[in-house]
Amino acid sequence: QVRLVESGGGLVQPGGSLRLSCAASGSTFRINATGWYRQAPGKQRELAATITRNGITNYVDPVKGRFSISRDNAKNTVFLQMNSLKPEDTAVYYCNVETIVGTSYWGKGTLVTVSS
């Protein structure tokens, strides 16, 4: 089992930055890929960015050039650096991991609000 705890959310003005963290514990050796998802009010959860155990990253178009996903393997933590934030980035951000045995785990999420 893998446990995930997100942190770093908060209120930020448009154009500002935030860095989210996803700390993993438990069977972290099984993690194959980590993703950040987000769910805006009244909308479905959607993917924002992913990073594989080999460091390969992928971003959806709305966040390309503004968000950056990275990992600290020694601390079992994945980060999402979010720059040039827009009001439409307002959402609960969730961390997800997929393991090499095909299981998937979610964190409880952290709220990001972009507003003046």
Protein backbone atom coordinates (compact mmCIF):
# COMPACT_ATOMS: atom_id res chain seq x y z
CA GLN A 1 0.00 0.00 0.00
CA VAL A 2 1.11 3.56 -0.71
CA ARG A 3 -0.04 6.56 1.30
CA LEU A 4 0.03 10.02 -0.21
CA VAL A 5 -0.14 13.41 1.48
CA GLU A 6 -0.43 16.59 -0.55
CA SER A 7 0.51 20.02 0.72
CA GLY A 8 1.26 23.51 -0.53
CA GLY A 9 -2.16 24.69 -1.65
CA GLY A 10 -3.58 28.07 -0.78
CA LEU A 11 -4.85 31.38 -2.06
CA VAL A 12 -2.75 33.18 -4.67
CA GLN A 13 -3.34 36.14 -6.95
CA PRO A 14 -3.47 35.72 -10.72
CA GLY A 15 0.06 35.60 -12.09
CA GLY A 16 1.41 34.19 -8.86
CA SER A 17 3.12 30.90 -8.09
CA LEU A 18 2.66 27.94 -5.78
CA ARG A 19 4.56 24.72 -5.26
CA LEU A 20 2.63 21.62 -4.36
CA SER A 21 4.22 18.61 -2.69
CA CYS A 22 3.13 14.99 -2.67
CA ALA A 23 4.86 12.90 -0.02
CA ALA A 24 4.61 9.15 -0.42
CA SER A 25 5.09 6.48 2.23
CA GLY A 26 4.64 2.75 2.44
CA SER A 27 5.52 0.58 -0.54
CA THR A 28 7.11 3.42 -2.48
CA PHE A 29 9.44 1.02 -4.28
CA ARG A 30 6.41 -0.15 -6.24
CA ILE A 31 5.63 3.31 -7.67
CA ASN A 32 5.88 3.41 -11.46
CA ALA A 33 4.47 6.86 -12.17
CA THR A 34 3.08 9.81 -10.26
CA GLY A 35 0.52 12.25 -11.53
CA TRP A 36 -1.07 15.47 -10.44
CA TYR A 37 -4.76 15.75 -11.19
CA ARG A 38 -7.14 18.59 -10.51
CA GLN A 39 -10.86 18.98 -10.05
CA ALA A 40 -12.46 22.39 -10.44
CA PRO A 41 -15.85 23.12 -8.86
CA GLY A 42 -18.59 21.42 -10.82
CA LYS A 43 -16.17 19.70 -13.19
CA GLN A 44 -14.65 16.28 -13.57
CA ARG A 45 -11.21 15.45 -12.31
CA GLU A 46 -8.58 15.93 -15.01
CA LEU A 47 -4.92 15.18 -15.45
CA ALA A 48 -2.42 18.03 -15.18
CA ALA A 49 1.02 16.42 -15.29
CA THR A 50 2.81 13.11 -14.81
CA ILE A 51 6.31 11.90 -14.09
CA THR A 52 7.58 8.35 -14.40
CA ARG A 53 10.04 6.59 -12.15
CA ASN A 54 12.64 7.33 -14.83
CA GLY A 55 11.88 11.04 -14.76
CA ILE A 56 9.94 11.29 -18.00
CA THR A 57 7.40 14.09 -17.73
CA ASN A 58 4.19 14.87 -19.54
CA TYR A 59 1.84 17.85 -19.38
CA VAL A 60 -1.61 18.63 -20.66
CA ASP A 61 -1.87 21.61 -22.97
CA PRO A 62 -3.54 24.05 -20.52
CA VAL A 63 -0.54 23.88 -18.15
CA LYS A 64 2.35 23.50 -20.59
CA GLY A 65 4.98 26.15 -20.10
CA ARG A 66 3.54 27.18 -16.73
CA PHE A 67 3.67 24.02 -14.57
CA SER A 68 6.68 21.86 -13.87
CA ILE A 69 6.61 18.42 -12.24
CA SER A 70 9.70 17.03 -10.53
CA ARG A 71 10.68 14.44 -7.96
CA ASP A 72 13.05 13.96 -5.05
CA ASN A 73 13.59 10.22 -4.88
CA ALA A 74 15.47 10.39 -1.60
CA LYS A 75 12.44 11.99 0.05
CA ASN A 76 9.81 10.05 -1.92
CA THR A 77 8.25 13.38 -2.84
CA VAL A 78 6.92 14.74 -6.09
CA PHE A 79 6.48 18.46 -6.64
CA LEU A 80 4.32 20.55 -8.91
CA GLN A 81 5.67 24.03 -9.47
CA MET A 82 2.87 26.22 -10.76
CA ASN A 83 3.71 29.61 -12.25
CA SER A 84 1.65 32.29 -13.99
CA LEU A 85 -1.44 30.99 -12.28
CA LYS A 86 -4.84 31.85 -13.71
CA PRO A 87 -8.29 31.87 -12.10
CA GLU A 88 -9.14 28.80 -14.18
CA ASP A 89 -6.40 26.89 -12.35
CA THR A 90 -8.56 27.03 -9.23
CA ALA A 91 -9.22 23.45 -8.18
CA VAL A 92 -8.50 20.76 -5.67
CA TYR A 93 -5.21 19.18 -6.72
CA TYR A 94 -4.77 15.46 -6.14
CA CYS A 95 -1.69 13.29 -6.25
CA ASN A 96 -1.98 9.83 -7.78
CA VAL A 97 0.49 6.99 -8.11
CA GLU A 98 0.37 3.91 -10.27
CA THR A 99 2.41 0.94 -9.17
CA ILE A 100 4.26 -1.74 -11.06
CA VAL A 101 1.66 -4.26 -9.95
CA GLY A 102 -1.21 -2.25 -11.42
CA THR A 103 -2.66 -0.65 -8.32
CA SER A 104 -3.47 3.04 -7.99
CA TYR A 105 -3.59 5.30 -4.96
CA TRP A 106 -4.89 8.81 -4.35
CA GLY A 107 -4.18 11.49 -1.83
CA LYS A 108 -6.90 13.58 -0.22
CA GLY A 109 -6.07 16.69 -2.21
CA THR A 110 -5.02 20.25 -1.57
CA LEU A 111 -7.05 23.30 -2.56
CA VAL A 112 -5.59 25.94 -4.85
CA THR A 113 -7.55 29.16 -5.25
CA VAL A 114 -6.43 31.77 -7.76
CA SER A 115 -8.23 35.02 -7.13
CA SER A 116 -7.61 38.71 -6.68
